[in-house]
Amino acid sequence: MDPLTPCPFLPIPDLPISAASIAALGTHRGPEFYLTALTYAQSLWLEGLPARALLLINRAMGCDLAPADPILSAWPIPYHAVAWILLHHHPDHFIGNPRRHWQHLATRMVEPRRDLRSSRAWACWYLSRLAMPLCPPDHLQLSRENITEPSPLTIRSQLNLLGLPNEAETWDAACSLAASGPA
């Protein structure tokens, strides 16, 4: 198989990176963790592990970042990376059912920053609906827990309310990418 193309929306590692790189940061979830998680996601992507790369992107999205954090200029909240990975994963590489994953993540979120993190999970859930429309939801969970899937307008409103400045616009652009299909 040909080598994988790096995701253009994630940093490329200068040095080998692994789970130990994440663990070495301890419990602080600030800009350094954010950059490390995104870089590790790229490393996993390049190893042919798209599902694990998306899990690291989830972890990055949970970081406690301030609007003025310089890292966000180079690496905004990675909605584009999510859309790109969903569109470009190799069919032989496990990605699971991203729609179901983000549905579960959004509805089972715990503190800290629960509402923001849940809103971001719903935003990724919607990207997965656009990029991989054949992935079904967890109908049983929706029924048993009386969950209503949010509309794009609701997701955008929550991102405007809880997210970083321009986060909703970043998500809108990622939605356009996800809806465009693979290049």
N, C-alpha and C. Protein backbone atom coordinates (compact mmCIF):
# COMPACT_ATOMS: atom_id res chain seq x y z
N MET A 1 0.84 -1.18 0.00
CA MET A 1 0.00 0.00 0.00
C MET A 1 0.89 1.24 0.00
N ASP A 2 0.45 2.28 -0.69
CA ASP A 2 1.20 3.53 -0.73
C ASP A 2 1.20 4.17 0.64
N PRO A 3 2.25 4.95 0.94
CA PRO A 3 2.26 5.67 2.21
C PRO A 3 1.07 6.63 2.28
N LEU A 4 0.58 6.85 3.46
CA LEU A 4 -0.55 7.74 3.64
C LEU A 4 -0.11 9.20 3.52
N THR A 5 -0.99 10.00 2.96
CA THR A 5 -0.76 11.44 2.89
C THR A 5 -1.03 12.04 4.26
N PRO A 6 -0.14 12.88 4.76
CA PRO A 6 -0.42 13.52 6.05
C PRO A 6 -1.71 14.34 5.98
N CYS A 7 -2.42 14.38 7.07
CA CYS A 7 -3.61 15.23 7.16
C CYS A 7 -3.14 16.68 7.17
N PRO A 8 -3.60 17.51 6.23
CA PRO A 8 -3.13 18.90 6.16
C PRO A 8 -3.61 19.76 7.32
N PHE A 9 -4.51 19.23 8.14
CA PHE A 9 -5.07 20.00 9.24
C PHE A 9 -4.52 19.59 10.60
N LEU A 10 -3.46 18.80 10.59
CA LEU A 10 -2.80 18.36 11.82
C LEU A 10 -1.30 18.59 11.70
N PRO A 11 -0.63 18.91 12.83
CA PRO A 11 0.82 19.09 12.79
C PRO A 11 1.55 17.78 12.52
N ILE A 12 2.66 17.88 11.82
CA ILE A 12 3.48 16.71 11.51
C ILE A 12 4.54 16.57 12.60
N PRO A 13 4.68 15.38 13.18
CA PRO A 13 5.65 15.20 14.27
C PRO A 13 7.09 15.37 13.78
N ASP A 14 7.88 16.11 14.57
CA ASP A 14 9.32 16.24 14.30
C ASP A 14 10.07 15.04 14.86
N LEU A 15 9.57 14.53 15.97
CA LEU A 15 10.18 13.40 16.67
C LEU A 15 9.13 12.31 16.83
N PRO A 16 9.56 11.09 17.10
CA PRO A 16 8.57 10.04 17.38
C PRO A 16 7.67 10.45 18.55
N ILE A 17 6.40 10.14 18.42
CA ILE A 17 5.43 10.49 19.46
C ILE A 17 4.60 9.26 19.77
N SER A 18 4.21 9.13 21.02
CA SER A 18 3.47 7.94 21.45
C SER A 18 2.56 8.32 22.61
N ALA A 19 1.88 7.33 23.13
CA ALA A 19 1.03 7.55 24.30
C ALA A 19 1.84 8.07 25.48
N ALA A 20 3.11 7.69 25.55
CA ALA A 20 3.97 8.18 26.63
C ALA A 20 4.13 9.70 26.56
N SER A 21 4.10 10.25 25.36
CA SER A 21 4.20 11.71 25.19
C SER A 21 3.00 12.40 25.82
N ILE A 22 1.84 11.79 25.69
CA ILE A 22 0.62 12.33 26.30
C ILE A 22 0.68 12.15 27.82
N ALA A 23 1.04 10.96 28.26
CA ALA A 23 1.09 10.67 29.70
C ALA A 23 2.08 11.57 30.42
N ALA A 24 3.17 11.94 29.76
CA ALA A 24 4.19 12.78 30.39
C ALA A 24 3.66 14.17 30.74
N LEU A 25 2.55 14.57 30.15
CA LEU A 25 1.99 15.89 30.42
C LEU A 25 1.13 15.92 31.67
N GLY A 26 0.88 14.77 32.27
CA GLY A 26 0.09 14.73 33.50
C GLY A 26 -1.36 15.07 33.26
N THR A 27 -1.96 15.77 34.20
CA THR A 27 -3.40 16.04 34.14
C THR A 27 -3.74 17.41 33.55
N HIS A 28 -2.74 18.25 33.32
CA HIS A 28 -3.01 19.58 32.77
C HIS A 28 -3.46 19.45 31.31
N ARG A 29 -4.56 20.10 30.97
CA ARG A 29 -5.13 19.99 29.63
C ARG A 29 -5.15 21.35 28.93
N GLY A 30 -3.98 21.98 28.86
CA GLY A 30 -3.86 23.28 28.23
C GLY A 30 -3.27 23.20 26.84
N PRO A 31 -2.66 24.30 26.38
CA PRO A 31 -2.14 24.37 25.02
C PRO A 31 -1.09 23.30 24.69
N GLU A 32 -0.21 22.96 25.63
CA GLU A 32 0.82 21.95 25.35
C GLU A 32 0.17 20.59 25.10
N PHE A 33 -0.82 20.25 25.91
CA PHE A 33 -1.54 18.99 25.71
C PHE A 33 -2.25 19.01 24.35
N TYR A 34 -2.88 20.13 24.04
CA TYR A 34 -3.61 20.29 22.78
C TYR A 34 -2.69 19.99 21.58
N LEU A 35 -1.53 20.65 21.55
CA LEU A 35 -0.60 20.45 20.45
C LEU A 35 -0.09 19.01 20.41
N THR A 36 0.21 18.46 21.57
CA THR A 36 0.71 17.08 21.62
C THR A 36 -0.35 16.09 21.14
N ALA A 37 -1.60 16.30 21.55
CA ALA A 37 -2.68 15.41 21.13
C ALA A 37 -2.90 15.49 19.61
N LEU A 38 -2.86 16.70 19.07
CA LEU A 38 -3.03 16.85 17.61
C LEU A 38 -1.87 16.20 16.86
N THR A 39 -0.66 16.37 17.38
CA THR A 39 0.51 15.79 16.73
C THR A 39 0.47 14.26 16.81
N TYR A 40 0.06 13.76 17.95
CA TYR A 40 -0.07 12.31 18.11
C TYR A 40 -1.17 11.78 17.18
N ALA A 41 -2.24 12.54 17.01
CA ALA A 41 -3.30 12.14 16.07
C ALA A 41 -2.73 11.99 14.66
N GLN A 42 -1.88 12.92 14.25
CA GLN A 42 -1.25 12.82 12.93
C GLN A 42 -0.38 11.57 12.85
N SER A 43 0.37 11.31 13.90
CA SER A 43 1.23 10.13 13.94
C SER A 43 0.40 8.85 13.77
N LEU A 44 -0.72 8.79 14.48
CA LEU A 44 -1.60 7.62 14.38
C LEU A 44 -2.21 7.52 12.98
N TRP A 45 -2.61 8.65 12.43
CA TRP A 45 -3.14 8.66 11.07
C TRP A 45 -2.12 8.07 10.10
N LEU A 46 -0.87 8.52 10.22
CA LEU A 46 0.19 8.06 9.31
C LEU A 46 0.53 6.59 9.51
N GLU A 47 0.18 6.04 10.68
CA GLU A 47 0.36 4.61 10.94
C GLU A 47 -0.82 3.79 10.41
N GLY A 48 -1.82 4.46 9.85
CA GLY A 48 -2.99 3.75 9.34
C GLY A 48 -4.01 3.44 10.40
N LEU A 49 -4.09 4.30 11.43
CA LEU A 49 -5.00 4.09 12.55
C LEU A 49 -5.97 5.28 12.68
N PRO A 50 -6.90 5.42 11.72
CA PRO A 50 -7.77 6.59 11.73
C PRO A 50 -8.69 6.67 12.94
N ALA A 51 -9.20 5.54 13.43
CA ALA A 51 -10.09 5.58 14.60
C ALA A 51 -9.34 6.11 15.81
N ARG A 52 -8.13 5.64 16.01
CA ARG A 52 -7.33 6.12 17.14
C ARG A 52 -6.94 7.59 16.96
N ALA A 53 -6.69 8.00 15.72
CA ALA A 53 -6.39 9.41 15.47
C ALA A 53 -7.58 10.28 15.87
N LEU A 54 -8.79 9.83 15.54
CA LEU A 54 -9.99 10.60 15.92
C LEU A 54 -10.15 10.66 17.44
N LEU A 55 -9.78 9.59 18.14
CA LEU A 55 -9.85 9.62 19.60
C LEU A 55 -8.91 10.68 20.18
N LEU A 56 -7.74 10.83 19.59
CA LEU A 56 -6.81 11.86 20.06
C LEU A 56 -7.33 13.25 19.74
N ILE A 57 -7.98 13.39 18.60
CA ILE A 57 -8.60 14.68 18.27
C ILE A 57 -9.69 14.99 19.29
N ASN A 58 -10.47 13.99 19.69
CA ASN A 58 -11.46 14.20 20.76
C ASN A 58 -10.80 14.75 22.01
N ARG A 59 -9.67 14.17 22.38
CA ARG A 59 -8.97 14.61 23.59
C ARG A 59 -8.49 16.05 23.43
N ALA A 60 -8.01 16.40 22.25
CA ALA A 60 -7.58 17.78 22.01
C ALA A 60 -8.75 18.75 22.14
N MET A 61 -9.91 18.33 21.64
CA MET A 61 -11.09 19.20 21.70
C MET A 61 -11.57 19.43 23.13
N GLY A 62 -11.15 18.60 24.05
CA GLY A 62 -11.55 18.77 25.45
C GLY A 62 -10.63 19.67 26.24
N CYS A 63 -9.59 20.18 25.62
CA CYS A 63 -8.61 21.00 26.34
C CYS A 63 -9.21 22.34 26.78
N ASP A 64 -8.62 22.88 27.82
CA ASP A 64 -9.02 24.17 28.36
C ASP A 64 -8.17 25.24 27.69
N LEU A 65 -8.70 25.83 26.64
CA LEU A 65 -7.97 26.81 25.86
C LEU A 65 -8.65 28.17 25.95
N ALA A 66 -7.83 29.21 26.00
CA ALA A 66 -8.34 30.58 26.00
C ALA A 66 -8.30 31.11 24.57
N PRO A 67 -9.21 32.03 24.24
CA PRO A 67 -9.21 32.57 22.87
C PRO A 67 -7.87 33.14 22.43
N ALA A 68 -7.08 33.65 23.38
CA ALA A 68 -5.80 34.27 23.03
C ALA A 68 -4.64 33.29 22.96
N ASP A 69 -4.88 32.01 23.23
CA ASP A 69 -3.78 31.04 23.17
C ASP A 69 -3.20 31.01 21.76
N PRO A 70 -1.89 31.29 21.62
CA PRO A 70 -1.27 31.34 20.29
C PRO A 70 -1.43 30.05 19.48
N ILE A 71 -1.53 28.92 20.14
CA ILE A 71 -1.64 27.65 19.43
C ILE A 71 -2.85 27.62 18.50
N LEU A 72 -3.91 28.36 18.87
CA LEU A 72 -5.14 28.35 18.07
C LEU A 72 -4.97 29.07 16.74
N SER A 73 -3.99 29.96 16.64
CA SER A 73 -3.73 30.62 15.35
C SER A 73 -3.20 29.62 14.34
N ALA A 74 -2.32 28.75 14.80
CA ALA A 74 -1.75 27.74 13.91
C ALA A 74 -2.67 26.53 13.76
N TRP A 75 -3.32 26.14 14.86
CA TRP A 75 -4.11 24.91 14.87
C TRP A 75 -5.47 25.18 15.54
N PRO A 76 -6.43 25.73 14.77
CA PRO A 76 -7.76 25.96 15.35
C PRO A 76 -8.43 24.65 15.76
N ILE A 77 -9.53 24.76 16.48
CA ILE A 77 -10.26 23.56 16.89
C ILE A 77 -10.40 22.67 15.65
N PRO A 78 -10.01 21.40 15.74
CA PRO A 78 -9.74 20.58 14.55
C PRO A 78 -10.95 19.95 13.85
N TYR A 79 -11.97 20.74 13.60
CA TYR A 79 -13.10 20.20 12.85
C TYR A 79 -12.69 19.80 11.43
N HIS A 80 -11.81 20.58 10.81
CA HIS A 80 -11.36 20.23 9.46
C HIS A 80 -10.60 18.91 9.46
N ALA A 81 -9.80 18.67 10.49
CA ALA A 81 -9.07 17.40 10.57
C ALA A 81 -10.04 16.23 10.67
N VAL A 82 -11.09 16.40 11.45
CA VAL A 82 -12.11 15.35 11.58
C VAL A 82 -12.71 15.05 10.21
N ALA A 83 -13.17 16.10 9.53
CA ALA A 83 -13.80 15.91 8.22
C ALA A 83 -12.83 15.25 7.24
N TRP A 84 -11.59 15.72 7.23
CA TRP A 84 -10.60 15.19 6.30
C TRP A 84 -10.33 13.71 6.55
N ILE A 85 -10.15 13.33 7.80
CA ILE A 85 -9.90 11.92 8.13
C ILE A 85 -11.10 11.06 7.74
N LEU A 86 -12.30 11.54 8.02
CA LEU A 86 -13.50 10.77 7.65
C LEU A 86 -13.57 10.55 6.14
N LEU A 87 -13.15 11.54 5.39
CA LEU A 87 -13.21 11.45 3.93
C LEU A 87 -12.06 10.67 3.30
N HIS A 88 -10.91 10.62 3.97
CA HIS A 88 -9.71 10.07 3.34
C HIS A 88 -9.20 8.78 3.96
N HIS A 89 -9.89 8.23 4.94
CA HIS A 89 -9.38 6.99 5.54
C HIS A 89 -9.42 5.86 4.50
N HIS A 90 -8.44 5.01 4.57
CA HIS A 90 -8.35 3.86 3.67
C HIS A 90 -9.42 2.85 4.08
N PRO A 91 -10.14 2.26 3.13
CA PRO A 91 -11.21 1.32 3.49
C PRO A 91 -10.74 0.12 4.32
N ASP A 92 -9.46 -0.23 4.22
CA ASP A 92 -8.95 -1.36 5.00
C ASP A 92 -8.52 -0.97 6.41
N HIS A 93 -8.56 0.32 6.72
CA HIS A 93 -8.15 0.79 8.04
C HIS A 93 -9.40 1.02 8.90
N PHE A 94 -9.39 0.46 10.10
CA PHE A 94 -10.56 0.52 10.97
C PHE A 94 -10.88 1.96 11.37
N ILE A 95 -12.14 2.33 11.14
CA ILE A 95 -12.62 3.63 11.60
C ILE A 95 -13.88 3.47 12.44
N GLY A 96 -14.47 2.29 12.42
CA GLY A 96 -15.67 2.05 13.22
C GLY A 96 -16.86 2.80 12.65
N ASN A 97 -17.78 3.18 13.54
CA ASN A 97 -18.94 3.96 13.16
C ASN A 97 -18.82 5.31 13.87
N PRO A 98 -18.20 6.30 13.21
CA PRO A 98 -17.98 7.58 13.87
C PRO A 98 -19.27 8.26 14.33
N ARG A 99 -20.34 8.10 13.57
CA ARG A 99 -21.60 8.73 13.97
C ARG A 99 -22.04 8.19 15.33
N ARG A 100 -22.02 6.91 15.48
CA ARG A 100 -22.41 6.27 16.74
C ARG A 100 -21.44 6.67 17.86
N HIS A 101 -20.15 6.69 17.56
CA HIS A 101 -19.14 7.08 18.56
C HIS A 101 -19.45 8.46 19.11
N TRP A 102 -19.64 9.45 18.22
CA TRP A 102 -19.87 10.82 18.70
C TRP A 102 -21.24 10.97 19.35
N GLN A 103 -22.22 10.21 18.92
CA GLN A 103 -23.52 10.21 19.61
C GLN A 103 -23.33 9.79 21.06
N HIS A 104 -22.61 8.70 21.26
CA HIS A 104 -22.36 8.21 22.62
C HIS A 104 -21.52 9.21 23.42
N LEU A 105 -20.50 9.76 22.79
CA LEU A 105 -19.64 10.72 23.49
C LEU A 105 -20.44 11.95 23.91
N ALA A 106 -21.25 12.48 23.01
CA ALA A 106 -22.02 13.69 23.31
C ALA A 106 -23.03 13.47 24.42
N THR A 107 -23.60 12.30 24.48
CA THR A 107 -24.68 12.05 25.46
C THR A 107 -24.18 11.49 26.78
N ARG A 108 -22.90 11.19 26.87
CA ARG A 108 -22.35 10.61 28.11
C ARG A 108 -21.20 11.44 28.66
N MET A 109 -21.13 12.68 28.27
CA MET A 109 -20.03 13.56 28.64
C MET A 109 -20.10 13.88 30.14
N VAL A 110 -18.94 13.98 30.74
CA VAL A 110 -18.82 14.36 32.15
C VAL A 110 -17.95 15.62 32.24
N GLU A 111 -17.91 16.22 33.41
CA GLU A 111 -17.06 17.40 33.64
C GLU A 111 -15.60 17.01 33.50
N PRO A 112 -14.71 17.93 33.24
CA PRO A 112 -14.90 19.38 33.19
C PRO A 112 -15.39 19.84 31.81
N ARG A 113 -15.92 21.04 31.76
CA ARG A 113 -16.39 21.68 30.53
C ARG A 113 -17.37 20.79 29.77
N ARG A 114 -18.25 20.17 30.53
CA ARG A 114 -19.17 19.18 29.96
C ARG A 114 -19.98 19.71 28.78
N ASP A 115 -20.62 20.87 28.96
CA ASP A 115 -21.50 21.37 27.90
C ASP A 115 -20.73 21.71 26.63
N LEU A 116 -19.58 22.35 26.78
CA LEU A 116 -18.76 22.67 25.61
C LEU A 116 -18.28 21.40 24.92
N ARG A 117 -17.78 20.47 25.68
CA ARG A 117 -17.26 19.23 25.10
C ARG A 117 -18.38 18.43 24.44
N SER A 118 -19.57 18.43 25.03
CA SER A 118 -20.71 17.75 24.43
C SER A 118 -21.10 18.43 23.11
N SER A 119 -21.09 19.76 23.10
CA SER A 119 -21.41 20.49 21.87
C SER A 119 -20.41 20.18 20.77
N ARG A 120 -19.15 20.08 21.13
CA ARG A 120 -18.13 19.74 20.13
C ARG A 120 -18.31 18.30 19.63
N ALA A 121 -18.70 17.41 20.52
CA ALA A 121 -18.95 16.03 20.09
C ALA A 121 -20.14 15.99 19.11
N TRP A 122 -21.20 16.75 19.41
CA TRP A 122 -22.32 16.80 18.48
C TRP A 122 -21.88 17.41 17.14
N ALA A 123 -20.99 18.40 17.19
CA ALA A 123 -20.49 19.01 15.95
C ALA A 123 -19.75 17.96 15.11
N CYS A 124 -18.95 17.13 15.76
CA CYS A 124 -18.23 16.06 15.04
C CYS A 124 -19.20 14.99 14.56
N TRP A 125 -20.21 14.71 15.36
CA TRP A 125 -21.26 13.77 14.96
C TRP A 125 -21.89 14.22 13.64
N TYR A 126 -22.16 15.53 13.54
CA TYR A 126 -22.77 16.03 12.32
C TYR A 126 -21.80 15.93 11.14
N LEU A 127 -20.52 16.20 11.38
CA LEU A 127 -19.52 16.03 10.31
C LEU A 127 -19.53 14.59 9.81
N SER A 128 -19.66 13.64 10.74
CA SER A 128 -19.68 12.22 10.33
C SER A 128 -20.93 11.90 9.52
N ARG A 129 -22.04 12.53 9.86
CA ARG A 129 -23.27 12.32 9.07
C ARG A 129 -23.07 12.79 7.63
N LEU A 130 -22.37 13.91 7.48
CA LEU A 130 -22.13 14.45 6.14
C LEU A 130 -21.12 13.61 5.36
N ALA A 131 -20.03 13.26 6.02
CA ALA A 131 -18.93 12.57 5.33
C ALA A 131 -19.20 11.09 5.12
N MET A 132 -19.93 10.48 6.05
CA MET A 132 -20.17 9.02 5.99
C MET A 132 -21.66 8.76 6.24
N PRO A 133 -22.51 9.18 5.30
CA PRO A 133 -23.96 9.13 5.53
C PRO A 133 -24.53 7.73 5.71
N LEU A 134 -23.80 6.69 5.37
CA LEU A 134 -24.33 5.33 5.53
C LEU A 134 -24.15 4.78 6.94
N CYS A 135 -23.40 5.49 7.78
CA CYS A 135 -23.23 5.03 9.17
C CYS A 135 -24.51 5.32 9.95
N PRO A 136 -25.12 4.30 10.55
CA PRO A 136 -26.38 4.52 11.26
C PRO A 136 -26.14 5.04 12.68
N PRO A 137 -27.16 5.69 13.24
CA PRO A 137 -27.08 6.08 14.64
C PRO A 137 -27.34 4.87 15.53
N ASP A 138 -27.22 5.06 16.82
CA ASP A 138 -27.62 4.04 17.79
C ASP A 138 -29.09 4.30 18.09
N HIS A 139 -29.96 3.69 17.28
CA HIS A 139 -31.40 3.90 17.44
C HIS A 139 -31.89 3.47 18.81
N LEU A 140 -31.34 2.39 19.34
CA LEU A 140 -31.76 1.90 20.65
C LEU A 140 -31.49 2.95 21.73
N GLN A 141 -30.31 3.54 21.73
CA GLN A 141 -30.01 4.57 22.72
C GLN A 141 -30.94 5.77 22.54
N LEU A 142 -31.14 6.20 21.30
CA LEU A 142 -32.02 7.34 21.05
C LEU A 142 -33.41 7.09 21.62
N SER A 143 -33.91 5.88 21.42
CA SER A 143 -35.24 5.53 21.89
C SER A 143 -35.29 5.39 23.41
N ARG A 144 -34.39 4.60 23.96
CA ARG A 144 -34.40 4.33 25.41
C ARG A 144 -34.18 5.59 26.24
N GLU A 145 -33.31 6.47 25.75
CA GLU A 145 -32.95 7.65 26.53
C GLU A 145 -33.68 8.90 26.07
N ASN A 146 -34.63 8.72 25.13
CA ASN A 146 -35.43 9.82 24.62
C ASN A 146 -34.55 10.99 24.15
N ILE A 147 -33.56 10.66 23.34
CA ILE A 147 -32.61 11.65 22.84
C ILE A 147 -33.08 12.14 21.48
N THR A 148 -33.06 13.44 21.31
CA THR A 148 -33.33 14.05 20.02
C THR A 148 -32.00 14.52 19.45
N GLU A 149 -31.67 14.03 18.27
CA GLU A 149 -30.44 14.47 17.63
C GLU A 149 -30.56 15.96 17.31
N PRO A 150 -29.53 16.74 17.62
CA PRO A 150 -29.63 18.19 17.38
C PRO A 150 -29.54 18.54 15.90
N SER A 151 -30.18 19.63 15.55
CA SER A 151 -30.09 20.14 14.18
C SER A 151 -28.77 20.89 14.02
N PRO A 152 -28.34 21.11 12.79
CA PRO A 152 -27.14 21.93 12.58
C PRO A 152 -27.28 23.32 13.20
N LEU A 153 -28.48 23.88 13.14
CA LEU A 153 -28.70 25.20 13.73
C LEU A 153 -28.49 25.17 15.25
N THR A 154 -28.97 24.12 15.90
CA THR A 154 -28.77 23.97 17.34
C THR A 154 -27.29 23.81 17.67
N ILE A 155 -26.60 22.99 16.90
CA ILE A 155 -25.16 22.79 17.13
C ILE A 155 -24.43 24.11 16.97
N ARG A 156 -24.73 24.83 15.90
CA ARG A 156 -24.07 26.11 15.64
C ARG A 156 -24.34 27.09 16.78
N SER A 157 -25.58 27.13 17.24
CA SER A 157 -25.95 28.03 18.34
C SER A 157 -25.15 27.71 19.60
N GLN A 158 -25.01 26.42 19.91
CA GLN A 158 -24.24 26.00 21.09
C GLN A 158 -22.76 26.35 20.94
N LEU A 159 -22.21 26.19 19.75
CA LEU A 159 -20.81 26.55 19.53
C LEU A 159 -20.62 28.06 19.66
N ASN A 160 -21.58 28.84 19.18
CA ASN A 160 -21.51 30.29 19.35
C ASN A 160 -21.59 30.68 20.82
N LEU A 161 -22.43 29.99 21.56
CA LEU A 161 -22.63 30.30 22.98
C LEU A 161 -21.46 29.86 23.84
N LEU A 162 -20.96 28.66 23.61
CA LEU A 162 -19.98 28.05 24.52
C LEU A 162 -18.56 27.99 23.97
N GLY A 163 -18.42 28.03 22.67
CA GLY A 163 -17.11 27.81 22.05
C GLY A 163 -16.24 29.05 22.00
N LEU A 164 -15.13 28.89 21.34
CA LEU A 164 -14.19 29.98 21.14
C LEU A 164 -14.72 30.93 20.07
N PRO A 165 -14.21 32.18 20.04
CA PRO A 165 -14.63 33.08 18.96
C PRO A 165 -14.36 32.43 17.59
N ASN A 166 -15.32 32.55 16.72
CA ASN A 166 -15.25 32.01 15.35
C ASN A 166 -15.27 30.49 15.27
N GLU A 167 -15.50 29.81 16.38
CA GLU A 167 -15.54 28.34 16.34
C GLU A 167 -16.68 27.84 15.46
N ALA A 168 -17.84 28.48 15.56
CA ALA A 168 -18.98 28.05 14.74
C ALA A 168 -18.67 28.22 13.26
N GLU A 169 -17.97 29.29 12.91
CA GLU A 169 -17.61 29.51 11.51
C GLU A 169 -16.61 28.45 11.04
N THR A 170 -15.68 28.09 11.92
CA THR A 170 -14.72 27.03 11.59
C THR A 170 -15.47 25.73 11.33
N TRP A 171 -16.45 25.44 12.18
CA TRP A 171 -17.26 24.23 12.01
C TRP A 171 -18.05 24.28 10.71
N ASP A 172 -18.63 25.45 10.40
CA ASP A 172 -19.37 25.60 9.14
C ASP A 172 -18.49 25.24 7.94
N ALA A 173 -17.26 25.75 7.94
CA ALA A 173 -16.34 25.46 6.83
C ALA A 173 -16.01 23.97 6.78
N ALA A 174 -15.85 23.35 7.94
CA ALA A 174 -15.58 21.90 7.98
C ALA A 174 -16.79 21.12 7.48
N CYS A 175 -17.98 21.62 7.75
CA CYS A 175 -19.19 20.96 7.22
C CYS A 175 -19.19 21.00 5.70
N SER A 176 -18.78 22.11 5.13
CA SER A 176 -18.69 22.20 3.66
C SER A 176 -17.68 21.19 3.13
N LEU A 177 -16.55 21.06 3.82
CA LEU A 177 -15.55 20.07 3.41
C LEU A 177 -16.13 18.66 3.50
N ALA A 178 -16.77 18.34 4.63
CA ALA A 178 -17.34 17.00 4.83
C ALA A 178 -18.39 16.68 3.78
N ALA A 179 -19.19 17.66 3.42
CA ALA A 179 -20.26 17.44 2.44
C ALA A 179 -19.72 17.31 1.02
N SER A 180 -18.50 17.78 0.79
CA SER A 180 -17.95 17.77 -0.57
C SER A 180 -17.49 16.39 -1.01
N GLY A 181 -17.27 15.49 -0.06
CA GLY A 181 -16.79 14.15 -0.40
C GLY A 181 -15.30 14.16 -0.64
N PRO A 182 -14.71 12.97 -0.79
CA PRO A 182 -13.25 12.91 -1.00
C PRO A 182 -12.84 13.54 -2.32
N ALA A 183 -11.68 14.16 -2.30
CA ALA A 183 -11.19 14.84 -3.52
C ALA A 183 -10.70 13.83 -4.54
